C-alpha atoms as a PDB file:
ATOM      1  CA  UNK A   1    -125.860  23.051  91.771  1.00  0.00           C
ATOM      2  CA  UNK A   2    -126.550  26.667  93.632  1.00  0.00           C
ATOM      3  CA  UNK A   3    -127.418  29.320  90.873  1.00  0.00           C
ATOM      4  CA  UNK A   4    -127.374  32.920  92.286  1.00  0.00           C
ATOM      5  CA  UNK A   5    -128.591  35.656  89.420  1.00  0.00           C
ATOM      6  CA  UNK A   6    -127.875  38.539  91.894  1.00  0.00           C
ATOM      7  CA  UNK A   7    -124.309  38.632  92.103  1.00  0.00           C
ATOM      8  CA  UNK A   8    -124.290  39.163  88.001  1.00  0.00           C
ATOM      9  CA  UNK A   9    -122.876  43.297  89.031  1.00  0.00           C
ATOM     10  CA  UNK A  10    -119.979  41.728  91.023  1.00  0.00           C
ATOM     11  CA  UNK A  11    -116.375  41.986  89.707  1.00  0.00           C
ATOM     12  CA  UNK A  12    -114.511  38.919  89.369  1.00  0.00           C
ATOM     13  CA  UNK A  13    -112.145  39.058  92.103  1.00  0.00           C
ATOM     14  CA  UNK A  14    -115.134  39.520  94.395  1.00  0.00           C
ATOM     15  CA  UNK A  15    -116.811  36.788  92.617  1.00  0.00           C
ATOM     16  CA  UNK A  16    -113.929  34.660  93.467  1.00  0.00           C
ATOM     17  CA  UNK A  17    -113.617  35.219  96.896  1.00  0.00           C
ATOM     18  CA  UNK A  18    -117.588  34.937  97.435  1.00  0.00           C
ATOM     19  CA  UNK A  19    -117.254  31.391  95.757  1.00  0.00           C
ATOM     20  CA  UNK A  20    -114.332  30.237  97.693  1.00  0.00           C
ATOM     21  CA  UNK A  21    -116.255  31.373 100.871  1.00  0.00           C
ATOM     22  CA  UNK A  22    -119.573  29.332  99.687  1.00  0.00           C
ATOM     23  CA  UNK A  23    -117.465  26.440  99.287  1.00  0.00           C
ATOM     24  CA  UNK A  24    -115.615  26.209 102.312  1.00  0.00           C
ATOM     25  CA  UNK A  25    -118.950  27.033 103.906  1.00  0.00           C
ATOM     26  CA  UNK A  26    -120.498  23.705 101.921  1.00  0.00           C
ATOM     27  CA  UNK A  27    -117.482  21.804 102.994  1.00  0.00           C
ATOM     28  CA  UNK A  28    -118.217  22.649 106.752  1.00  0.00           C
ATOM     29  CA  UNK A  29    -122.004  21.475 106.386  1.00  0.00           C
ATOM     30  CA  UNK A  30    -121.899  18.684 104.220  1.00  0.00           C
ATOM     31  CA  UNK A  31    -120.659  15.418 106.385  1.00  0.00           C
ATOM     32  CA  UNK A  32    -117.367  13.353 104.924  1.00  0.00           C
ATOM     33  CA  UNK A  33    -118.554  10.061 103.098  1.00  0.00           C
ATOM     34  CA  UNK A  34    -117.035   6.846 102.101  1.00  0.00           C
ATOM     35  CA  UNK A  35    -115.482   8.627  99.021  1.00  0.00           C
ATOM     36  CA  UNK A  36    -114.144  11.879  98.242  1.00  0.00           C
ATOM     37  CA  UNK A  37    -116.518  14.730  96.949  1.00  0.00           C
ATOM     38  CA  UNK A  38    -115.631  17.203  95.147  1.00  0.00           C
ATOM     39  CA  UNK A  39    -117.158  20.976  95.639  1.00  0.00           C
ATOM     40  CA  UNK A  40    -116.789  23.469  92.648  1.00  0.00           C
ATOM     41  CA  UNK A  41    -118.010  26.784  92.041  1.00  0.00           C
ATOM     42  CA  UNK A  42    -118.157  28.006  88.173  1.00  0.00           C
ATOM     43  CA  UNK A  43    -119.086  30.635  86.034  1.00  0.00           C
ATOM     44  CA  UNK A  44    -120.472  29.470  82.954  1.00  0.00           C
ATOM     45  CA  UNK A  45    -117.816  26.792  82.434  1.00  0.00           C
ATOM     46  CA  UNK A  46    -114.884  28.116  84.400  1.00  0.00           C
ATOM     47  CA  UNK A  47    -114.315  26.587  87.206  1.00  0.00           C
ATOM     48  CA  UNK A  48    -113.151  29.373  90.016  1.00  0.00           C
ATOM     49  CA  UNK A  49    -113.241  27.738  93.364  1.00  0.00           C
ATOM     50  CA  UNK A  50    -112.673  23.994  94.308  1.00  0.00           C
ATOM     51  CA  UNK A  51    -112.542  22.238  97.514  1.00  0.00           C
ATOM     52  CA  UNK A  52    -112.793  18.281  97.917  1.00  0.00           C
ATOM     53  CA  UNK A  53    -114.116  16.561 100.964  1.00  0.00           C
ATOM     54  CA  UNK A  54    -111.489  13.883 101.734  1.00  0.00           C
ATOM     55  CA  UNK A  55    -113.257  10.273 102.307  1.00  0.00           C
ATOM     56  CA  UNK A  56    -112.810   7.958 105.526  1.00  0.00           C
ATOM     57  CA  UNK A  57    -110.303   5.478 105.250  1.00  0.00           C
ATOM     58  CA  UNK A  58    -110.330   2.273 107.361  1.00  0.00           C
ATOM     59  CA  UNK A  59    -107.000   0.849 108.021  1.00  0.00           C
ATOM     60  CA  UNK A  60    -107.646  -2.558 106.535  1.00  0.00           C
ATOM     61  CA  UNK A  61    -103.783  -3.657 106.923  1.00  0.00           C
ATOM     62  CA  UNK A  62    -103.876  -3.198 110.700  1.00  0.00           C
ATOM     63  CA  UNK A  63    -105.007  -6.776 111.478  1.00  0.00           C
ATOM     64  CA  UNK A  64    -101.999  -8.253 109.470  1.00  0.00           C
ATOM     65  CA  UNK A  65     -99.168  -9.099 111.844  1.00  0.00           C
ATOM     66  CA  UNK A  66     -96.484 -10.430 109.288  1.00  0.00           C
ATOM     67  CA  UNK A  67     -94.994  -8.769 106.596  1.00  0.00           C
ATOM     68  CA  UNK A  68     -96.274 -10.592 103.568  1.00  0.00           C
ATOM     69  CA  UNK A  69     -96.715  -8.117 100.833  1.00  0.00           C
ATOM     70  CA  UNK A  70     -99.305  -9.994  98.698  1.00  0.00           C
ATOM     71  CA  UNK A  71    -101.946  -9.908 101.602  1.00  0.00           C
ATOM     72  CA  UNK A  72    -101.083  -6.092 102.017  1.00  0.00           C
ATOM     73  CA  UNK A  73    -101.920  -5.612  98.517  1.00  0.00           C
ATOM     74  CA  UNK A  74    -104.720  -7.786  98.066  1.00  0.00           C
ATOM     75  CA  UNK A  75    -106.773  -6.389 101.082  1.00  0.00           C
ATOM     76  CA  UNK A  76    -106.083  -2.585  99.538  1.00  0.00           C
ATOM     77  CA  UNK A  77    -107.207  -3.661  96.023  1.00  0.00           C
ATOM     78  CA  UNK A  78    -110.497  -4.994  97.557  1.00  0.00           C
ATOM     79  CA  UNK A  79    -110.781  -1.606  99.383  1.00  0.00           C
ATOM     80  CA  UNK A  80    -110.095   0.038  96.214  1.00  0.00           C
ATOM     81  CA  UNK A  81    -112.837  -1.927  94.493  1.00  0.00           C
ATOM     82  CA  UNK A  82    -115.299  -0.813  97.121  1.00  0.00           C
ATOM     83  CA  UNK A  83    -114.867   2.553  96.785  1.00  0.00           C
ATOM     84  CA  UNK A  84    -115.338   2.576  93.093  1.00  0.00           C
ATOM     85  CA  UNK A  85    -118.621   0.576  93.473  1.00  0.00           C
ATOM     86  CA  UNK A  86    -119.516   3.321  96.031  1.00  0.00           C
ATOM     87  CA  UNK A  87    -118.715   6.023  93.674  1.00  0.00           C
ATOM     88  CA  UNK A  88    -120.811   4.511  91.290  1.00  0.00           C
ATOM     89  CA  UNK A  89    -124.080   5.203  93.517  1.00  0.00           C
ATOM     90  CA  UNK A  90    -122.503   8.103  94.883  1.00  0.00           C
ATOM     91  CA  UNK A  91    -125.645   9.342  97.050  1.00  0.00           C
ATOM     92  CA  UNK A  92    -124.431  12.188  99.363  1.00  0.00           C
ATOM     93  CA  UNK A  93    -126.231  11.969 102.360  1.00  0.00           C
ATOM     94  CA  UNK A  94    -126.377  15.263 104.277  1.00  0.00           C
ATOM     95  CA  UNK A  95    -128.715  16.605 106.953  1.00  0.00           C
ATOM     96  CA  UNK A  96    -132.131  17.969 105.400  1.00  0.00           C
ATOM     97  CA  UNK A  97    -132.492  21.553 105.315  1.00  0.00           C
ATOM     98  CA  UNK A  98    -128.813  22.454 106.768  1.00  0.00           C
ATOM     99  CA  UNK A  99    -127.585  23.335 103.198  1.00  0.00           C
ATOM    100  CA  UNK A 100    -129.456  26.862 102.854  1.00  0.00           C
ATOM    101  CA  UNK A 101    -129.566  27.655 106.348  1.00  0.00           C
ATOM    102  CA  UNK A 102    -125.775  26.855 106.934  1.00  0.00           C
ATOM    103  CA  UNK A 103    -124.717  28.855 103.721  1.00  0.00           C
ATOM    104  CA  UNK A 104    -126.548  31.722 105.075  1.00  0.00           C
ATOM    105  CA  UNK A 105    -125.413  31.600 108.844  1.00  0.00           C
ATOM    106  CA  UNK A 106    -121.943  30.591 108.347  1.00  0.00           C
ATOM    107  CA  UNK A 107    -122.621  27.501 110.564  1.00  0.00           C
ATOM    108  CA  UNK A 108    -121.073  24.131 109.757  1.00  0.00           C
ATOM    109  CA  UNK A 109    -119.131  21.532 111.493  1.00  0.00           C
ATOM    110  CA  UNK A 110    -116.139  22.890 112.956  1.00  0.00           C
END
């Protein structure tokens, strides 16, 4: 969570645009993971901006050449259990020192 005490004098509409810009910059900086990463900007308890970094998804059904729905469902269920296991750990990897510098410069992955 990044806290900014200096922006307390701004209007709500201007704060929303600043929050959206910061959320988009963070989305560009943080690399994609194997699970979804929600990025939220809030004032107190009210969320004013939200974006999500989508998860990688491996095509586990590509190697099935027959149309057996049971096998396809089994593989998708196995993938779903693995994603839930990773969500419980939820260690987000990002380049060190890139968050503060990237937000200030507006750079990230494009």
